[in-house]
Amino acid sequence: MTPGINNPSELLGFRCLHYSVTESSGTIDITIIKKVENQEITFGIRTKDDTAKAQSEYESVDDVITLKKRDNEHNLSIKIFDNNEWQPDLDFYIELYDPNTFGRARYQGDDTQTKITILDEDFPGTLGFAQTEVSVSKFSENVSISIVRSEGSDGKISCMIRTEPYSEDLKQ
């Protein structure tokens, strides 16, 4: 039994239950495994929105697939759309369903649905001080403080800085 799957499907399931893809990759490849031998299986596969929305972040899929007796798996490629604006990582799902049931019911089993996370690389980053403490003599006229950009590099970011008079009360 695969770790994390308490109730696997007897017919077919996803090779992996959670995929991650960078937004700029363009596509993600998903593998569906047939679990029965010498049997033809016809099933449906469809995408389902979560925080990622079809036709905006990814290309929706709703197809019926037939795996022949000799076929052991089916590979599916889903197009991922790239944009140039930062947004948090987004999720959508792909599920396997029985096309012959009323309402096209999803197949039973924990491995008949997989989650796809689209990782956004457009993060502008954060600004912060290179050092959290700087020692300066009271006789110094100038002090140099470095600001660094980390955790991203896309686009232009800025910040405002101000100084405040030193107070002995701050030391306590």
C-alpha atoms as a PDB file:
ATOM      1  CA  MET A   1       0.000   0.000   0.000  1.00  0.00           C
ATOM      2  CA  THR A   2       1.242   3.475  -0.866  1.00  0.00           C
ATOM      3  CA  PRO A   3       1.967   5.665   2.191  1.00  0.00           C
ATOM      4  CA  GLY A   4      -0.785   8.204   2.830  1.00  0.00           C
ATOM      5  CA  ILE A   5      -3.404   6.228   0.883  1.00  0.00           C
ATOM      6  CA  ASN A   6      -5.810   4.475   3.223  1.00  0.00           C
ATOM      7  CA  ASN A   7      -8.470   3.697   0.645  1.00  0.00           C
ATOM      8  CA  PRO A   8      -6.909   3.120  -2.805  1.00  0.00           C
ATOM      9  CA  SER A   9      -8.945   2.565  -5.949  1.00  0.00           C
ATOM     10  CA  GLU A  10      -8.961  -0.991  -7.284  1.00  0.00           C
ATOM     11  CA  LEU A  11      -9.058   0.047 -10.954  1.00  0.00           C
ATOM     12  CA  LEU A  12      -6.807   3.039 -11.477  1.00  0.00           C
ATOM     13  CA  GLY A  13      -5.232   5.989  -9.716  1.00  0.00           C
ATOM     14  CA  PHE A  14      -2.697   8.773  -9.972  1.00  0.00           C
ATOM     15  CA  ARG A  15       0.971   7.917  -9.609  1.00  0.00           C
ATOM     16  CA  CYS A  16       1.412  10.915  -7.317  1.00  0.00           C
ATOM     17  CA  LEU A  17      -1.205  12.637  -5.147  1.00  0.00           C
ATOM     18  CA  HIS A  18       0.408  16.085  -5.196  1.00  0.00           C
ATOM     19  CA  TYR A  19       2.351  17.680  -8.024  1.00  0.00           C
ATOM     20  CA  SER A  20       4.115  21.050  -8.041  1.00  0.00           C
ATOM     21  CA  VAL A  21       4.984  22.994 -11.160  1.00  0.00           C
ATOM     22  CA  THR A  22       6.563  26.392 -11.720  1.00  0.00           C
ATOM     23  CA  GLU A  23       4.411  28.856 -13.570  1.00  0.00           C
ATOM     24  CA  SER A  24       7.014  29.290 -16.308  1.00  0.00           C
ATOM     25  CA  SER A  25       7.269  25.541 -17.040  1.00  0.00           C
ATOM     26  CA  GLY A  26       4.446  25.756 -19.565  1.00  0.00           C
ATOM     27  CA  THR A  27       3.067  22.266 -18.890  1.00  0.00           C
ATOM     28  CA  ILE A  28       2.821  19.605 -16.237  1.00  0.00           C
ATOM     29  CA  ASP A  29       2.820  15.887 -16.972  1.00  0.00           C
ATOM     30  CA  ILE A  30       0.555  13.667 -14.873  1.00  0.00           C
ATOM     31  CA  THR A  31       0.591   9.845 -14.863  1.00  0.00           C
ATOM     32  CA  ILE A  32      -2.447   7.647 -14.299  1.00  0.00           C
ATOM     33  CA  ILE A  33      -1.788   3.996 -13.424  1.00  0.00           C
ATOM     34  CA  LYS A  34      -4.076   1.111 -14.444  1.00  0.00           C
ATOM     35  CA  LYS A  35      -4.189  -1.435 -11.610  1.00  0.00           C
ATOM     36  CA  VAL A  36      -5.940  -4.324 -13.354  1.00  0.00           C
ATOM     37  CA  GLU A  37      -4.286  -6.523 -15.977  1.00  0.00           C
ATOM     38  CA  ASN A  38      -5.687  -7.705 -19.306  1.00  0.00           C
ATOM     39  CA  GLN A  39      -8.734  -5.497 -19.041  1.00  0.00           C
ATOM     40  CA  GLU A  40      -9.787  -2.484 -21.092  1.00  0.00           C
ATOM     41  CA  ILE A  41     -10.875   0.482 -18.948  1.00  0.00           C
ATOM     42  CA  THR A  42     -12.688   3.612 -20.077  1.00  0.00           C
ATOM     43  CA  PHE A  43     -12.619   6.503 -17.626  1.00  0.00           C
ATOM     44  CA  GLY A  44     -13.048  10.240 -17.490  1.00  0.00           C
ATOM     45  CA  ILE A  45     -10.506  12.771 -16.360  1.00  0.00           C
ATOM     46  CA  ARG A  46     -11.331  16.369 -15.468  1.00  0.00           C
ATOM     47  CA  THR A  47      -9.777  19.378 -13.817  1.00  0.00           C
ATOM     48  CA  LYS A  48     -11.414  21.120 -10.885  1.00  0.00           C
ATOM     49  CA  ASP A  49     -10.717  24.681  -9.766  1.00  0.00           C
ATOM     50  CA  ASP A  50      -9.498  25.561  -6.318  1.00  0.00           C
ATOM     51  CA  THR A  51      -7.484  28.791  -5.890  1.00  0.00           C
ATOM     52  CA  ALA A  52      -6.210  28.351  -9.480  1.00  0.00           C
ATOM     53  CA  LYS A  53      -8.864  29.066 -12.085  1.00  0.00           C
ATOM     54  CA  ALA A  54      -9.185  27.271 -15.425  1.00  0.00           C
ATOM     55  CA  GLN A  55      -8.356  29.283 -18.536  1.00  0.00           C
ATOM     56  CA  SER A  56      -6.597  31.867 -16.366  1.00  0.00           C
ATOM     57  CA  GLU A  57      -3.877  29.829 -14.644  1.00  0.00           C
ATOM     58  CA  TYR A  58      -4.188  26.475 -16.435  1.00  0.00           C
ATOM     59  CA  GLU A  59      -5.967  24.838 -19.365  1.00  0.00           C
ATOM     60  CA  SER A  60      -9.015  22.861 -18.264  1.00  0.00           C
ATOM     61  CA  VAL A  61      -9.389  19.211 -19.201  1.00  0.00           C
ATOM     62  CA  ASP A  62     -12.505  17.041 -19.439  1.00  0.00           C
ATOM     63  CA  ASP A  63     -11.810  13.949 -21.544  1.00  0.00           C
ATOM     64  CA  VAL A  64     -12.790  10.316 -21.744  1.00  0.00           C
ATOM     65  CA  ILE A  65      -9.816   7.950 -22.105  1.00  0.00           C
ATOM     66  CA  THR A  66      -9.700   4.246 -22.960  1.00  0.00           C
ATOM     67  CA  LEU A  67      -6.752   2.178 -21.791  1.00  0.00           C
ATOM     68  CA  LYS A  68      -6.408  -0.988 -23.857  1.00  0.00           C
ATOM     69  CA  LYS A  69      -5.676  -4.383 -22.282  1.00  0.00           C
ATOM     70  CA  ARG A  70      -1.950  -4.004 -22.934  1.00  0.00           C
ATOM     71  CA  ASP A  71      -1.739  -0.416 -21.599  1.00  0.00           C
ATOM     72  CA  ASN A  72      -0.541   0.058 -18.013  1.00  0.00           C
ATOM     73  CA  GLU A  73      -0.658   3.838 -17.708  1.00  0.00           C
ATOM     74  CA  HIS A  74      -1.803   7.052 -19.337  1.00  0.00           C
ATOM     75  CA  ASN A  75       0.221  10.257 -19.430  1.00  0.00           C
ATOM     76  CA  LEU A  76      -1.606  13.554 -19.445  1.00  0.00           C
ATOM     77  CA  SER A  77      -0.053  16.935 -20.182  1.00  0.00           C
ATOM     78  CA  ILE A  78      -1.795  20.061 -18.896  1.00  0.00           C
ATOM     79  CA  LYS A  79      -0.854  23.544 -20.063  1.00  0.00           C
ATOM     80  CA  ILE A  80       0.104  26.053 -17.347  1.00  0.00           C
ATOM     81  CA  PHE A  81      -0.242  29.761 -18.140  1.00  0.00           C
ATOM     82  CA  ASP A  82       2.514  32.182 -17.151  1.00  0.00           C
ATOM     83  CA  ASN A  83       1.930  35.817 -16.294  1.00  0.00           C
ATOM     84  CA  ASN A  84       4.243  38.551 -15.136  1.00  0.00           C
ATOM     85  CA  GLU A  85       2.523  39.530 -11.925  1.00  0.00           C
ATOM     86  CA  TRP A  86       3.101  38.149  -8.475  1.00  0.00           C
ATOM     87  CA  GLN A  87       0.393  36.138  -6.793  1.00  0.00           C
ATOM     88  CA  PRO A  88       0.516  33.416  -4.154  1.00  0.00           C
ATOM     89  CA  ASP A  89       0.977  29.781  -5.151  1.00  0.00           C
ATOM     90  CA  LEU A  90      -2.294  28.427  -6.564  1.00  0.00           C
ATOM     91  CA  ASP A  91      -3.906  24.967  -6.513  1.00  0.00           C
ATOM     92  CA  PHE A  92      -6.269  22.954  -8.689  1.00  0.00           C
ATOM     93  CA  TYR A  93      -7.274  19.302  -8.794  1.00  0.00           C
ATOM     94  CA  ILE A  94      -7.542  16.560 -11.380  1.00  0.00           C
ATOM     95  CA  GLU A  95      -9.959  13.748 -10.754  1.00  0.00           C
ATOM     96  CA  LEU A  96     -10.884  10.462 -12.383  1.00  0.00           C
ATOM     97  CA  TYR A  97     -14.563   9.740 -12.935  1.00  0.00           C
ATOM     98  CA  ASP A  98     -16.852   7.065 -14.339  1.00  0.00           C
ATOM     99  CA  PRO A  99     -18.317   8.485 -17.578  1.00  0.00           C
ATOM    100  CA  ASN A 100     -21.108   5.889 -17.505  1.00  0.00           C
ATOM    101  CA  THR A 101     -22.665   7.025 -14.218  1.00  0.00           C
ATOM    102  CA  PHE A 102     -25.309   9.670 -13.722  1.00  0.00           C
ATOM    103  CA  GLY A 103     -23.550  12.942 -12.956  1.00  0.00           C
ATOM    104  CA  ARG A 104     -20.201  11.413 -13.951  1.00  0.00           C
ATOM    105  CA  ALA A 105     -19.384  10.385 -10.380  1.00  0.00           C
ATOM    106  CA  ARG A 106     -15.778  10.409  -9.288  1.00  0.00           C
ATOM    107  CA  TYR A 107     -14.216   6.994  -8.838  1.00  0.00           C
ATOM    108  CA  GLN A 108     -13.954   5.868  -5.233  1.00  0.00           C
ATOM    109  CA  GLY A 109     -10.486   5.849  -3.703  1.00  0.00           C
ATOM    110  CA  ASP A 110      -7.999   8.288  -2.219  1.00  0.00           C
ATOM    111  CA  ASP A 111      -5.767   8.051  -5.299  1.00  0.00           C
ATOM    112  CA  THR A 112      -8.428   9.082  -7.835  1.00  0.00           C
ATOM    113  CA  GLN A 113      -7.753  12.775  -7.231  1.00  0.00           C
ATOM    114  CA  THR A 114      -4.474  14.649  -7.349  1.00  0.00           C
ATOM    115  CA  LYS A 115      -3.616  18.197  -6.334  1.00  0.00           C
ATOM    116  CA  ILE A 116      -1.494  20.455  -8.540  1.00  0.00           C
ATOM    117  CA  THR A 117       0.239  23.490  -7.017  1.00  0.00           C
ATOM    118  CA  ILE A 118       1.389  26.208  -9.422  1.00  0.00           C
ATOM    119  CA  LEU A 119       4.453  27.897  -7.942  1.00  0.00           C
ATOM    120  CA  ASP A 120       4.689  31.585  -8.815  1.00  0.00           C
ATOM    121  CA  GLU A 121       8.214  32.773  -9.603  1.00  0.00           C
ATOM    122  CA  ASP A 122       7.240  36.406 -10.007  1.00  0.00           C
ATOM    123  CA  PHE A 123       7.750  37.210  -6.326  1.00  0.00           C
ATOM    124  CA  PRO A 124       9.290  40.653  -5.997  1.00  0.00           C
ATOM    125  CA  GLY A 125      11.081  39.749  -2.778  1.00  0.00           C
ATOM    126  CA  THR A 126      11.413  41.530   0.511  1.00  0.00           C
ATOM    127  CA  LEU A 127      13.659  44.330   1.685  1.00  0.00           C
ATOM    128  CA  GLY A 128      15.493  44.278   4.979  1.00  0.00           C
ATOM    129  CA  PHE A 129      18.635  45.431   6.709  1.00  0.00           C
ATOM    130  CA  ALA A 130      21.838  43.522   6.024  1.00  0.00           C
ATOM    131  CA  GLN A 131      22.645  43.796   9.742  1.00  0.00           C
ATOM    132  CA  THR A 132      20.196  44.169  12.590  1.00  0.00           C
ATOM    133  CA  GLU A 133      22.671  46.080  14.772  1.00  0.00           C
ATOM    134  CA  VAL A 134      25.237  48.688  13.793  1.00  0.00           C
ATOM    135  CA  SER A 135      27.695  50.169  16.295  1.00  0.00           C
ATOM    136  CA  VAL A 136      28.631  53.792  15.755  1.00  0.00           C
ATOM    137  CA  SER A 137      30.809  56.137  17.765  1.00  0.00           C
ATOM    138  CA  LYS A 138      29.046  59.234  19.029  1.00  0.00           C
ATOM    139  CA  PHE A 139      31.754  61.235  17.269  1.00  0.00           C
ATOM    140  CA  SER A 140      30.894  59.797  13.821  1.00  0.00           C
ATOM    141  CA  GLU A 141      29.197  62.119  11.401  1.00  0.00           C
ATOM    142  CA  ASN A 142      27.943  59.373   9.063  1.00  0.00           C
ATOM    143  CA  VAL A 143      26.873  55.768   9.252  1.00  0.00           C
ATOM    144  CA  SER A 144      26.385  53.333   6.372  1.00  0.00           C
ATOM    145  CA  ILE A 145      23.448  50.967   6.532  1.00  0.00           C
ATOM    146  CA  SER A 146      22.892  48.376   3.820  1.00  0.00           C
ATOM    147  CA  ILE A 147      19.463  47.266   2.658  1.00  0.00           C
ATOM    148  CA  VAL A 148      19.237  43.914   0.892  1.00  0.00           C
ATOM    149  CA  ARG A 149      16.596  42.337  -1.292  1.00  0.00           C
ATOM    150  CA  SER A 150      15.912  38.661  -0.615  1.00  0.00           C
ATOM    151  CA  GLU A 151      13.434  35.896  -1.499  1.00  0.00           C
ATOM    152  CA  GLY A 152      12.760  37.239  -4.990  1.00  0.00           C
ATOM    153  CA  SER A 153      14.039  39.487  -7.701  1.00  0.00           C
ATOM    154  CA  ASP A 154      11.174  40.195 -10.071  1.00  0.00           C
ATOM    155  CA  GLY A 155      10.188  43.769 -10.767  1.00  0.00           C
ATOM    156  CA  LYS A 156      10.887  46.991  -8.911  1.00  0.00           C
ATOM    157  CA  ILE A 157      10.350  47.382  -5.173  1.00  0.00           C
ATOM    158  CA  SER A 158      11.079  50.245  -2.819  1.00  0.00           C
ATOM    159  CA  CYS A 159      10.869  51.191   0.828  1.00  0.00           C
ATOM    160  CA  MET A 160      10.960  54.264   3.018  1.00  0.00           C
ATOM    161  CA  ILE A 161      13.491  54.646   5.836  1.00  0.00           C
ATOM    162  CA  ARG A 162      13.556  57.053   8.750  1.00  0.00           C
ATOM    163  CA  THR A 163      15.817  57.561  11.709  1.00  0.00           C
ATOM    164  CA  GLU A 164      14.848  58.250  15.281  1.00  0.00           C
ATOM    165  CA  PRO A 165      16.912  59.795  18.060  1.00  0.00           C
ATOM    166  CA  TYR A 166      18.625  57.287  20.322  1.00  0.00           C
ATOM    167  CA  SER A 167      17.171  56.911  23.786  1.00  0.00           C
ATOM    168  CA  GLU A 168      18.624  55.113  26.792  1.00  0.00           C
ATOM    169  CA  ASP A 169      15.110  53.813  27.441  1.00  0.00           C
ATOM    170  CA  LEU A 170      15.393  51.634  24.314  1.00  0.00           C
ATOM    171  CA  LYS A 171      18.295  49.658  25.791  1.00  0.00           C
ATOM    172  CA  GLN A 172      16.153  48.122  28.559  1.00  0.00           C
END
